């Protein structure tokens, strides 16, 4: 072991790390929120049950990893609304099929 007299570090000049503030416009894209919107739209438009379920899962993931409350909440709420609309159209609407006259 070396003695403390030979230590080149200077504890008096050490400063705590302060991260620079990031503007909300410069935050990275919330991919899970974006994917939730894509799957939600696919669930509503094409009546894919899996798309609606995946939209709900990605909404939950995006909600758990939210970094900015203002911008992320808009995206999450949009994805959640599409997921719910997809669930309603898939499970509560009449079954599609050929109508015979």
Protein backbone atom coordinates (compact mmCIF):
# COMPACT_ATOMS: atom_id res chain seq x y z
CA UNK A 1 0.00 0.00 0.00
CA UNK A 2 1.19 3.50 -0.73
CA UNK A 3 1.16 6.18 1.87
CA UNK A 4 -1.37 9.01 1.72
CA UNK A 5 1.45 11.50 1.18
CA UNK A 6 2.06 10.14 -2.34
CA UNK A 7 -1.61 10.39 -3.39
CA UNK A 8 -1.87 12.86 -6.33
CA UNK A 9 -5.64 13.41 -5.91
CA UNK A 10 -6.80 16.64 -4.31
CA UNK A 11 -10.07 16.21 -2.43
CA UNK A 12 -10.47 19.97 -2.01
CA UNK A 13 -10.80 20.48 -5.79
CA UNK A 14 -13.40 17.72 -6.27
CA UNK A 15 -16.90 18.93 -7.20
CA UNK A 16 -20.13 16.92 -7.22
CA UNK A 17 -21.50 16.07 -10.64
CA UNK A 18 -24.47 18.19 -11.72
CA UNK A 19 -26.19 17.02 -14.93
CA UNK A 20 -27.06 19.74 -17.37
CA UNK A 21 -30.78 20.41 -17.70
CA UNK A 22 -32.28 19.02 -20.90
CA UNK A 23 -34.98 20.95 -22.71
CA UNK A 24 -38.18 18.87 -23.19
CA UNK A 25 -37.90 19.28 -26.97
CA UNK A 26 -34.48 17.57 -26.95
CA UNK A 27 -35.57 14.42 -25.10
CA UNK A 28 -35.28 11.15 -27.01
CA UNK A 29 -38.38 9.67 -28.63
CA UNK A 30 -40.58 7.44 -26.50
CA UNK A 31 -40.59 4.42 -28.79
CA UNK A 32 -42.97 2.35 -26.68
CA UNK A 33 -45.58 5.12 -26.80
CA UNK A 34 -45.18 5.43 -30.54
CA UNK A 35 -45.48 1.67 -31.01
CA UNK A 36 -48.59 1.69 -28.79
CA UNK A 37 -50.24 4.19 -31.13
CA UNK A 38 -49.29 2.14 -34.21
CA UNK A 39 -50.68 -1.09 -32.72
CA UNK A 40 -53.78 0.73 -31.47
CA UNK A 41 -54.54 2.10 -34.91
CA UNK A 42 -53.97 -1.36 -36.41
CA UNK A 43 -56.34 -2.85 -33.85
CA UNK A 44 -59.08 -0.36 -34.71
CA UNK A 45 -58.63 -0.18 -38.47
CA UNK A 46 -57.96 -3.83 -39.25
CA UNK A 47 -59.79 -5.30 -36.25
CA UNK A 48 -56.72 -7.11 -34.96
CA UNK A 49 -57.23 -8.28 -31.40
CA UNK A 50 -53.51 -8.82 -30.98
CA UNK A 51 -52.84 -5.24 -32.07
CA UNK A 52 -55.17 -3.89 -29.39
CA UNK A 53 -53.61 -6.06 -26.69
CA UNK A 54 -50.09 -5.07 -27.73
CA UNK A 55 -51.11 -1.42 -27.71
CA UNK A 56 -52.30 -1.81 -24.12
CA UNK A 57 -49.04 -3.51 -23.11
CA UNK A 58 -46.91 -0.83 -24.77
CA UNK A 59 -49.02 1.89 -23.12
CA UNK A 60 -48.29 0.36 -19.73
CA UNK A 61 -44.59 0.17 -20.55
CA UNK A 62 -44.54 3.77 -21.71
CA UNK A 63 -46.39 4.86 -18.58
CA UNK A 64 -43.85 3.06 -16.39
CA UNK A 65 -40.89 4.68 -18.20
CA UNK A 66 -42.31 8.20 -18.54
CA UNK A 67 -39.64 10.91 -18.51
CA UNK A 68 -41.58 14.08 -19.31
CA UNK A 69 -45.11 14.28 -17.95
CA UNK A 70 -46.44 16.81 -20.45
CA UNK A 71 -45.43 15.33 -23.78
CA UNK A 72 -45.45 11.66 -22.78
CA UNK A 73 -48.89 11.83 -21.21
CA UNK A 74 -50.42 13.05 -24.48
CA UNK A 75 -48.84 10.20 -26.40
CA UNK A 76 -49.79 7.60 -23.79
CA UNK A 77 -53.38 8.81 -23.62
CA UNK A 78 -53.68 8.67 -27.41
CA UNK A 79 -52.31 5.13 -27.53
CA UNK A 80 -54.57 4.09 -24.65
CA UNK A 81 -57.66 5.50 -26.39
CA UNK A 82 -56.83 3.63 -29.59
CA UNK A 83 -56.26 0.45 -27.59
CA UNK A 84 -59.63 0.80 -25.83
CA UNK A 85 -61.40 1.61 -29.10
CA UNK A 86 -59.81 -1.49 -30.62
CA UNK A 87 -60.98 -3.61 -27.69
CA UNK A 88 -64.51 -2.28 -28.03
CA UNK A 89 -64.66 -2.82 -31.78
CA UNK A 90 -63.15 -6.31 -31.50
CA UNK A 91 -65.08 -7.69 -28.55
CA UNK A 92 -68.34 -5.74 -28.32
CA UNK A 93 -69.30 -5.20 -31.94
CA UNK A 94 -71.25 -7.78 -33.93
CA UNK A 95 -69.19 -10.40 -35.69
CA UNK A 96 -68.31 -9.54 -39.23
CA UNK A 97 -69.35 -11.96 -41.86
CA UNK A 98 -71.26 -12.24 -45.05
CA UNK A 99 -74.93 -11.32 -44.77
CA UNK A 100 -77.12 -13.64 -46.80
CA UNK A 101 -80.33 -12.26 -48.23
